[in-house]
N, C-alpha and C. Protein backbone atom coordinates (compact mmCIF):
# COMPACT_ATOMS: atom_id res chain seq x y z
N UNK A 1 0.74 -0.99 0.15
CA UNK A 1 0.12 0.11 -0.20
C UNK A 1 0.88 1.27 -0.01
N UNK A 2 0.34 2.32 -0.80
CA UNK A 2 1.31 3.60 -1.02
C UNK A 2 0.47 4.56 0.06
N UNK A 3 1.31 5.00 0.87
CA UNK A 3 1.03 5.90 1.76
C UNK A 3 1.20 7.42 1.29
N UNK A 4 0.26 8.42 1.00
CA UNK A 4 0.62 9.44 0.38
C UNK A 4 1.49 10.62 1.48
N UNK A 5 2.54 11.44 1.11
CA UNK A 5 2.92 12.30 2.06
C UNK A 5 3.09 13.65 1.44
N UNK A 6 2.52 14.81 2.28
CA UNK A 6 2.31 15.94 1.57
C UNK A 6 3.41 16.91 2.76
N UNK A 7 4.22 17.59 2.18
CA UNK A 7 4.77 18.67 2.94
C UNK A 7 4.60 20.13 2.48
N UNK A 8 4.45 21.01 3.22
CA UNK A 8 4.52 22.50 2.93
C UNK A 8 5.53 23.40 3.38
N UNK A 9 5.98 24.16 2.62
CA UNK A 9 7.05 25.22 2.94
C UNK A 9 6.57 26.75 3.10
N UNK A 10 6.69 27.10 3.89
CA UNK A 10 5.97 28.63 3.81
C UNK A 10 7.29 29.54 4.02
N UNK A 11 7.37 30.52 3.17
CA UNK A 11 8.29 31.34 3.18
C UNK A 11 7.66 32.67 3.59
N UNK A 12 8.19 33.83 4.37
CA UNK A 12 7.83 35.17 4.61
C UNK A 12 8.73 35.98 4.05
N UNK A 13 8.22 36.87 3.09
CA UNK A 13 9.28 37.55 2.53
C UNK A 13 9.76 38.90 3.21
N UNK A 14 10.79 39.22 3.25
CA UNK A 14 11.40 40.25 4.40
C UNK A 14 11.22 41.53 3.24
N UNK A 15 10.25 42.40 3.33
CA UNK A 15 10.23 43.67 2.32
C UNK A 15 10.23 44.82 3.13
N UNK A 16 11.47 44.84 4.14
CA UNK A 16 11.47 46.11 4.58
C UNK A 16 11.97 47.33 3.76
N UNK A 17 12.46 46.72 2.65
CA UNK A 17 12.58 47.88 1.61
C UNK A 17 11.56 48.46 0.85
N UNK A 18 10.48 47.86 1.17
CA UNK A 18 9.27 48.26 0.75
C UNK A 18 8.79 49.92 1.37
N UNK A 19 8.54 50.84 0.67
CA UNK A 19 8.14 52.09 1.73
C UNK A 19 6.73 52.34 1.64
N UNK A 20 6.08 51.84 0.53
CA UNK A 20 4.71 51.75 0.50
C UNK A 20 4.11 50.85 -0.23
N UNK A 21 2.74 50.59 -0.23
CA UNK A 21 2.01 49.54 -0.88
C UNK A 21 1.89 50.11 -2.51
N UNK A 22 1.91 51.01 -2.78
CA UNK A 22 1.65 51.33 -4.29
C UNK A 22 2.49 51.00 -5.07
N UNK A 23 1.98 50.19 -6.17
CA UNK A 23 2.52 49.33 -7.10
C UNK A 23 2.54 47.93 -7.06
N UNK A 24 2.41 47.55 -5.63
CA UNK A 24 2.22 46.19 -5.47
C UNK A 24 0.98 45.40 -5.86
N UNK A 25 0.21 46.13 -6.32
CA UNK A 25 -0.76 45.34 -7.22
C UNK A 25 -0.68 45.21 -8.48
N UNK A 26 0.41 45.72 -9.02
CA UNK A 26 0.71 45.68 -10.68
C UNK A 26 2.01 45.17 -10.98
N UNK A 27 2.27 44.25 -10.33
CA UNK A 27 3.73 43.61 -10.71
C UNK A 27 3.87 42.89 -11.76
N UNK A 28 4.83 42.93 -12.70
CA UNK A 28 4.83 42.15 -13.88
C UNK A 28 5.69 40.68 -13.71
N UNK A 29 5.37 39.62 -14.88
CA UNK A 29 6.17 38.43 -14.42
C UNK A 29 7.20 38.54 -15.29
N UNK A 30 8.48 38.06 -14.73
CA UNK A 30 9.84 38.00 -15.43
C UNK A 30 10.54 36.47 -15.24
N UNK A 31 11.56 36.25 -15.71
CA UNK A 31 12.00 35.03 -15.63
C UNK A 31 13.83 35.72 -15.23
N UNK A 32 14.19 35.06 -14.09
CA UNK A 32 15.67 35.40 -13.84
C UNK A 32 16.56 34.35 -14.31
N UNK A 33 17.75 34.57 -14.53
CA UNK A 33 18.94 34.05 -14.89
C UNK A 33 19.82 33.82 -13.64
N UNK A 34 19.62 33.04 -12.74
CA UNK A 34 20.28 32.70 -11.76
C UNK A 34 21.75 32.92 -11.89
N UNK A 35 22.15 32.59 -12.93
CA UNK A 35 23.91 32.24 -12.98
C UNK A 35 24.41 33.76 -12.92
N UNK A 36 23.56 34.91 -13.23
CA UNK A 36 24.01 36.19 -13.19
C UNK A 36 24.22 36.65 -11.81
N UNK A 37 23.62 36.02 -10.60
CA UNK A 37 23.25 36.67 -9.43
C UNK A 37 24.38 35.93 -8.52
N UNK A 38 24.73 36.64 -7.34
CA UNK A 38 25.84 36.43 -6.58
C UNK A 38 25.42 35.89 -5.06
N UNK A 39 25.80 34.67 -4.95
CA UNK A 39 25.40 34.05 -3.73
C UNK A 39 25.62 34.77 -2.31
N UNK A 40 24.79 34.82 -1.52
CA UNK A 40 24.84 35.69 -0.27
C UNK A 40 24.50 37.11 -0.12
N UNK A 41 24.31 37.66 -1.53
CA UNK A 41 24.20 39.33 -1.73
C UNK A 41 22.63 39.10 -2.15
N UNK A 42 22.66 38.26 -3.50
CA UNK A 42 21.27 38.66 -4.20
C UNK A 42 20.66 36.96 -3.69
N UNK A 43 21.14 36.20 -3.29
CA UNK A 43 20.38 34.72 -3.02
C UNK A 43 21.03 34.13 -1.90
N UNK A 44 20.04 33.28 -1.51
CA UNK A 44 20.57 32.25 -0.31
C UNK A 44 20.42 31.15 -0.89
N UNK A 45 21.99 30.11 -0.71
CA UNK A 45 21.80 28.69 -1.44
C UNK A 45 20.97 27.74 -0.65
N UNK A 46 20.41 26.73 -1.35
CA UNK A 46 19.84 25.45 -0.39
C UNK A 46 20.95 24.92 0.34
N UNK A 47 20.55 24.27 1.28
CA UNK A 47 21.56 23.44 2.18
C UNK A 47 20.92 22.12 2.18
N UNK A 48 21.74 21.47 3.29
CA UNK A 48 21.09 19.92 3.73
C UNK A 48 19.75 19.78 4.76
N UNK A 49 19.49 20.89 5.49
CA UNK A 49 18.48 21.26 6.13
C UNK A 49 17.35 22.01 5.43
N UNK A 50 17.58 22.86 4.34
CA UNK A 50 16.62 23.71 3.97
C UNK A 50 17.15 23.24 2.30
N UNK A 51 15.98 22.58 1.77
CA UNK A 51 16.17 21.94 0.38
C UNK A 51 15.95 23.15 -0.72
N UNK A 52 15.42 24.41 -0.32
CA UNK A 52 15.32 25.40 -1.34
C UNK A 52 16.25 26.45 -0.98
N UNK A 53 16.59 27.35 -2.02
CA UNK A 53 17.56 28.42 -1.79
C UNK A 53 16.17 29.36 -2.36
N UNK A 54 16.63 30.76 -2.11
CA UNK A 54 15.79 31.79 -2.76
C UNK A 54 16.42 33.20 -3.14
N UNK A 55 16.04 33.65 -3.72
CA UNK A 55 16.40 34.88 -4.47
C UNK A 55 15.79 36.13 -3.34
N UNK A 56 16.34 36.68 -3.00
CA UNK A 56 15.88 37.81 -1.99
C UNK A 56 15.04 38.64 -2.52
N UNK A 57 14.07 39.14 -1.57
CA UNK A 57 13.09 39.94 -2.12
C UNK A 57 13.83 41.61 -2.16
N UNK A 58 13.24 42.22 -3.14
CA UNK A 58 13.98 43.87 -3.15
C UNK A 58 15.15 43.90 -4.10
N UNK A 59 15.73 42.89 -4.59
CA UNK A 59 17.09 42.87 -5.56
C UNK A 59 16.79 43.46 -6.49
N UNK A 60 17.51 44.70 -7.00
CA UNK A 60 17.34 45.19 -8.25
C UNK A 60 17.62 44.51 -9.45
N UNK A 61 17.12 44.45 -10.42
CA UNK A 61 17.35 43.93 -11.62
C UNK A 61 17.04 44.52 -13.00
N UNK A 62 17.79 44.47 -13.75
CA UNK A 62 17.82 44.61 -15.35
C UNK A 62 17.77 43.46 -16.27
N UNK A 63 16.98 44.04 -17.71
CA UNK A 63 16.92 42.80 -18.58
C UNK A 63 18.01 42.60 -19.23
N UNK A 64 18.53 41.40 -19.66
CA UNK A 64 19.63 41.16 -20.17
C UNK A 64 19.12 41.36 -21.93
N UNK A 65 19.61 41.97 -22.45
CA UNK A 65 19.26 42.16 -24.09
C UNK A 65 19.12 41.20 -25.00
N UNK A 66 20.30 40.08 -24.67
CA UNK A 66 20.35 39.00 -25.72
C UNK A 66 19.36 38.01 -25.37
N UNK A 67 18.87 38.05 -24.15
CA UNK A 67 18.37 36.37 -23.96
C UNK A 67 16.83 36.94 -23.21
N UNK A 68 16.82 38.35 -23.10
CA UNK A 68 15.28 38.48 -22.54
C UNK A 68 15.33 38.36 -21.05
N UNK A 69 16.16 37.68 -20.38
CA UNK A 69 15.86 37.19 -18.92
C UNK A 69 16.55 38.43 -18.25
N UNK A 70 16.63 38.25 -16.90
CA UNK A 70 16.75 39.32 -15.96
C UNK A 70 18.07 38.97 -14.98
N UNK A 71 18.71 39.92 -14.60
CA UNK A 71 19.97 39.75 -13.69
C UNK A 71 19.88 40.75 -13.12
N UNK A 72 21.03 41.00 -12.14
CA UNK A 72 21.23 41.89 -11.27
C UNK A 72 21.57 43.41 -11.84
N UNK A 73 20.84 44.23 -11.50
CA UNK A 73 21.06 45.63 -12.13
C UNK A 73 22.58 45.95 -11.94
N UNK A 74 23.14 46.47 -12.75
CA UNK A 74 24.57 47.10 -12.71
C UNK A 74 24.63 48.31 -13.65
N UNK A 75 24.95 49.48 -13.08
CA UNK A 75 24.71 50.62 -13.76
C UNK A 75 26.39 50.70 -14.80
N UNK A 76 27.33 49.76 -14.41
CA UNK A 76 28.11 50.03 -15.19
C UNK A 76 28.27 48.76 -16.61
N UNK A 77 26.92 47.98 -16.27
CA UNK A 77 27.00 46.50 -17.19
C UNK A 77 26.69 47.37 -18.72
N UNK A 78 27.07 46.65 -20.00
CA UNK A 78 26.64 46.83 -21.05
C UNK A 78 25.81 46.07 -21.88
N UNK A 79 25.26 45.30 -21.02
CA UNK A 79 24.33 44.20 -21.73
C UNK A 79 23.01 44.01 -21.49
N UNK A 80 22.61 45.28 -20.95
CA UNK A 80 20.96 45.79 -20.88
C UNK A 80 20.59 45.69 -19.35
N UNK A 81 21.51 45.28 -18.46
CA UNK A 81 21.07 45.22 -17.05
C UNK A 81 21.75 46.63 -16.52
N UNK A 82 22.12 47.47 -17.34
CA UNK A 82 22.50 48.85 -16.84
C UNK A 82 21.08 49.86 -16.71
N UNK A 83 19.95 49.34 -17.34
CA UNK A 83 18.73 50.10 -16.99
C UNK A 83 18.21 49.34 -16.06
N UNK A 84 17.80 49.97 -14.82
CA UNK A 84 17.04 49.45 -13.75
C UNK A 84 15.46 48.99 -14.00
N UNK A 85 15.37 47.57 -14.31
CA UNK A 85 13.72 47.44 -14.65
C UNK A 85 13.07 47.37 -13.50
N UNK A 86 13.59 47.15 -12.10
CA UNK A 86 12.95 47.32 -11.04
C UNK A 86 13.55 46.34 -9.88
N UNK A 87 12.67 46.07 -9.16
CA UNK A 87 13.16 45.35 -7.78
C UNK A 87 12.37 43.91 -7.68
N UNK A 88 12.99 42.64 -7.63
CA UNK A 88 12.31 41.50 -7.18
C UNK A 88 11.44 41.71 -6.16
N UNK A 89 10.06 41.57 -6.32
CA UNK A 89 8.84 41.89 -5.31
C UNK A 89 8.91 40.90 -4.22
N UNK A 90 8.82 39.41 -4.28
CA UNK A 90 8.68 38.49 -3.31
C UNK A 90 9.84 37.37 -3.62
N UNK A 91 10.44 36.90 -2.46
CA UNK A 91 11.58 35.79 -2.38
C UNK A 91 11.00 34.73 -3.54
N UNK A 92 11.96 34.45 -4.18
CA UNK A 92 11.62 33.45 -5.10
C UNK A 92 12.58 32.05 -4.95
N UNK A 93 11.82 31.08 -4.42
CA UNK A 93 12.23 29.80 -4.05
C UNK A 93 12.98 29.10 -5.33
N UNK A 94 13.82 28.44 -5.20
CA UNK A 94 14.62 27.26 -6.32
C UNK A 94 15.14 26.18 -5.45
N UNK A 95 15.04 25.29 -6.45
CA UNK A 95 15.90 24.27 -5.90
C UNK A 95 17.34 23.77 -6.57
N UNK A 96 18.52 23.15 -6.09
CA UNK A 96 19.61 22.91 -6.48
C UNK A 96 19.34 22.65 -8.05
N UNK A 97 20.42 23.33 -8.75
CA UNK A 97 20.32 22.74 -10.12
C UNK A 97 19.54 23.58 -11.07
N UNK A 98 18.82 24.40 -10.55
CA UNK A 98 17.81 25.62 -11.35
C UNK A 98 18.66 26.75 -11.74
N UNK A 99 18.32 26.83 -13.19
CA UNK A 99 18.99 28.10 -13.81
C UNK A 99 18.19 29.43 -14.12
N UNK A 100 17.15 29.15 -14.29
CA UNK A 100 15.95 30.08 -14.55
C UNK A 100 14.93 30.05 -13.55
N UNK A 101 14.36 30.87 -13.11
CA UNK A 101 13.14 30.98 -12.22
C UNK A 101 12.08 32.31 -12.70
N UNK A 102 11.01 32.18 -12.51
CA UNK A 102 9.94 33.16 -12.63
C UNK A 102 9.79 34.08 -11.12
N UNK A 103 9.56 35.34 -11.61
CA UNK A 103 9.53 36.12 -10.38
C UNK A 103 8.72 37.45 -10.57
N UNK A 104 8.28 38.12 -9.65
CA UNK A 104 7.18 39.03 -9.84
C UNK A 104 8.37 40.44 -9.80
N UNK A 105 8.10 41.52 -10.83
CA UNK A 105 8.65 42.67 -10.79
C UNK A 105 7.90 43.88 -10.46
N UNK A 106 8.66 44.51 -9.20
CA UNK A 106 8.03 45.70 -8.67
C UNK A 106 8.76 46.81 -9.54
N UNK A 107 7.85 47.43 -10.31
CA UNK A 107 8.73 48.20 -11.15
C UNK A 107 8.19 49.83 -11.27
N UNK A 108 7.08 50.00 -10.09
CA UNK A 108 6.79 51.20 -10.16
C UNK A 108 6.34 51.50 -8.47
N UNK A 109 6.66 52.53 -7.86
CA UNK A 109 6.19 52.74 -6.38
C UNK A 109 7.43 53.12 -5.68
N UNK A 110 7.54 53.21 -4.26
CA UNK A 110 8.53 53.90 -3.55
C UNK A 110 8.98 52.85 -2.88
N UNK A 111 10.51 53.07 -2.64
CA UNK A 111 11.38 51.95 -1.92
C UNK A 111 12.35 52.73 -1.10
N UNK A 112 13.10 51.95 0.11
CA UNK A 112 13.98 52.68 0.75
C UNK A 112 15.52 52.16 0.10
N UNK A 113 16.31 53.19 -0.26
CA UNK A 113 17.27 52.78 -1.00
C UNK A 113 18.34 51.95 -0.13
N UNK A 114 18.34 52.25 0.87
CA UNK A 114 19.39 51.76 2.18
C UNK A 114 19.16 50.44 2.60
N UNK A 115 17.89 49.88 2.41
CA UNK A 115 17.51 48.60 2.34
C UNK A 115 17.13 47.39 1.29
N UNK A 116 17.67 48.13 0.21
CA UNK A 116 17.64 47.45 -0.87
C UNK A 116 18.96 46.16 -0.89
N UNK A 117 18.54 44.84 -0.84
CA UNK A 117 19.53 43.74 -1.04
C UNK A 117 20.87 44.25 -2.20
N UNK A 118 21.96 44.39 -1.24
CA UNK A 118 23.05 44.38 -2.20
C UNK A 118 23.50 45.91 -2.38
N UNK A 119 22.39 46.64 -2.21
CA UNK A 119 22.51 48.06 -2.27
C UNK A 119 22.33 48.77 -3.30
N UNK A 120 21.98 49.82 -3.51
CA UNK A 120 21.71 50.40 -4.80
C UNK A 120 21.71 52.12 -4.52
N UNK A 121 22.57 52.84 -5.55
CA UNK A 121 22.74 54.17 -5.48
C UNK A 121 21.83 54.76 -6.24
N UNK A 122 20.51 55.52 -5.99
CA UNK A 122 19.78 56.50 -6.66
C UNK A 122 20.68 57.27 -7.85
N UNK A 123 21.59 57.87 -7.45
CA UNK A 123 22.66 58.52 -8.18
C UNK A 123 23.04 58.25 -9.41
N UNK A 124 22.98 56.69 -9.43
CA UNK A 124 23.51 56.40 -10.72
C UNK A 124 22.76 55.70 -11.56
N UNK A 125 21.43 55.84 -11.01
CA UNK A 125 20.21 55.42 -11.97
C UNK A 125 19.87 56.10 -13.01
N UNK A 126 20.27 55.81 -14.65
CA UNK A 126 19.94 56.66 -15.62
C UNK A 126 18.57 56.60 -15.81
N UNK A 127 17.99 57.76 -15.78
CA UNK A 127 16.55 57.94 -16.23
C UNK A 127 16.38 57.03 -17.71
N UNK A 128 15.45 56.38 -17.62
CA UNK A 128 14.97 55.51 -18.98
C UNK A 128 13.40 55.35 -19.17
N UNK A 129 12.80 55.73 -20.41
CA UNK A 129 11.34 55.36 -20.40
C UNK A 129 11.02 54.19 -20.40
N UNK A 130 12.06 52.80 -20.40
CA UNK A 130 11.95 51.67 -20.61
C UNK A 130 11.96 50.93 -19.26
N UNK A 131 12.84 51.81 -18.21
CA UNK A 131 13.04 51.64 -16.84
C UNK A 131 12.09 51.67 -15.92
N UNK A 132 12.39 51.50 -14.68
CA UNK A 132 11.56 51.28 -13.54
C UNK A 132 11.50 52.61 -13.37
N UNK A 133 10.04 52.97 -12.50
CA UNK A 133 9.63 54.10 -12.26
C UNK A 133 9.44 54.30 -10.56
N UNK A 134 10.49 53.96 -9.94
CA UNK A 134 10.60 53.81 -8.41
C UNK A 134 11.27 54.97 -7.88
N UNK A 135 10.47 55.72 -6.62
CA UNK A 135 11.09 56.66 -5.98
C UNK A 135 11.67 56.10 -4.90
N UNK A 136 13.13 56.32 -4.89
CA UNK A 136 13.79 55.93 -3.94
C UNK A 136 13.96 56.94 -2.52
N UNK A 137 13.75 56.39 -1.56
CA UNK A 137 13.97 57.17 -0.11
C UNK A 137 15.17 57.09 0.66
N UNK A 138 15.74 58.10 1.38
CA UNK A 138 16.70 57.41 2.05
C UNK A 138 16.42 56.81 3.02
N UNK A 139 17.44 56.90 4.31
CA UNK A 139 17.46 56.04 5.72
C UNK A 139 15.82 56.07 6.35
N UNK A 140 15.66 55.09 6.86
CA UNK A 140 14.46 54.78 7.43
C UNK A 140 14.64 55.32 8.68
N UNK A 141 13.40 56.57 8.88
CA UNK A 141 13.68 57.23 10.22
C UNK A 141 13.09 56.51 11.32
N UNK A 142 13.43 56.33 12.63
CA UNK A 142 12.96 55.85 13.63
C UNK A 142 11.39 56.19 14.24
């Protein structure tokens, strides 16, 4: 006799970078190229006790022109990632060996610059009609 077994994994997104709920109801679906991201800065790797890794909520991303996939935003890049497309809205779980994962893109609204994983300097963001419409605020006041 086969006994079914079900398990549930619940992840709570750390969205302390989010300054308001404006824009959270209109995210876009994108695909992340995990090979472009940096362990511990952009994502947490799976371990023996935690079978799923995850890309952190709030990571800034840009679209790679050649593939159409998304990688970490880099104002010095020349592959399309120099245009800020937005921030990863919710943590994105993945299993070992995964190279591409779907994600929700927060592309307009307000965020705290000093809370963005990996950091972001709003002064280095080049305005673009194809880019994100995010207003970045300074430090969170207590």
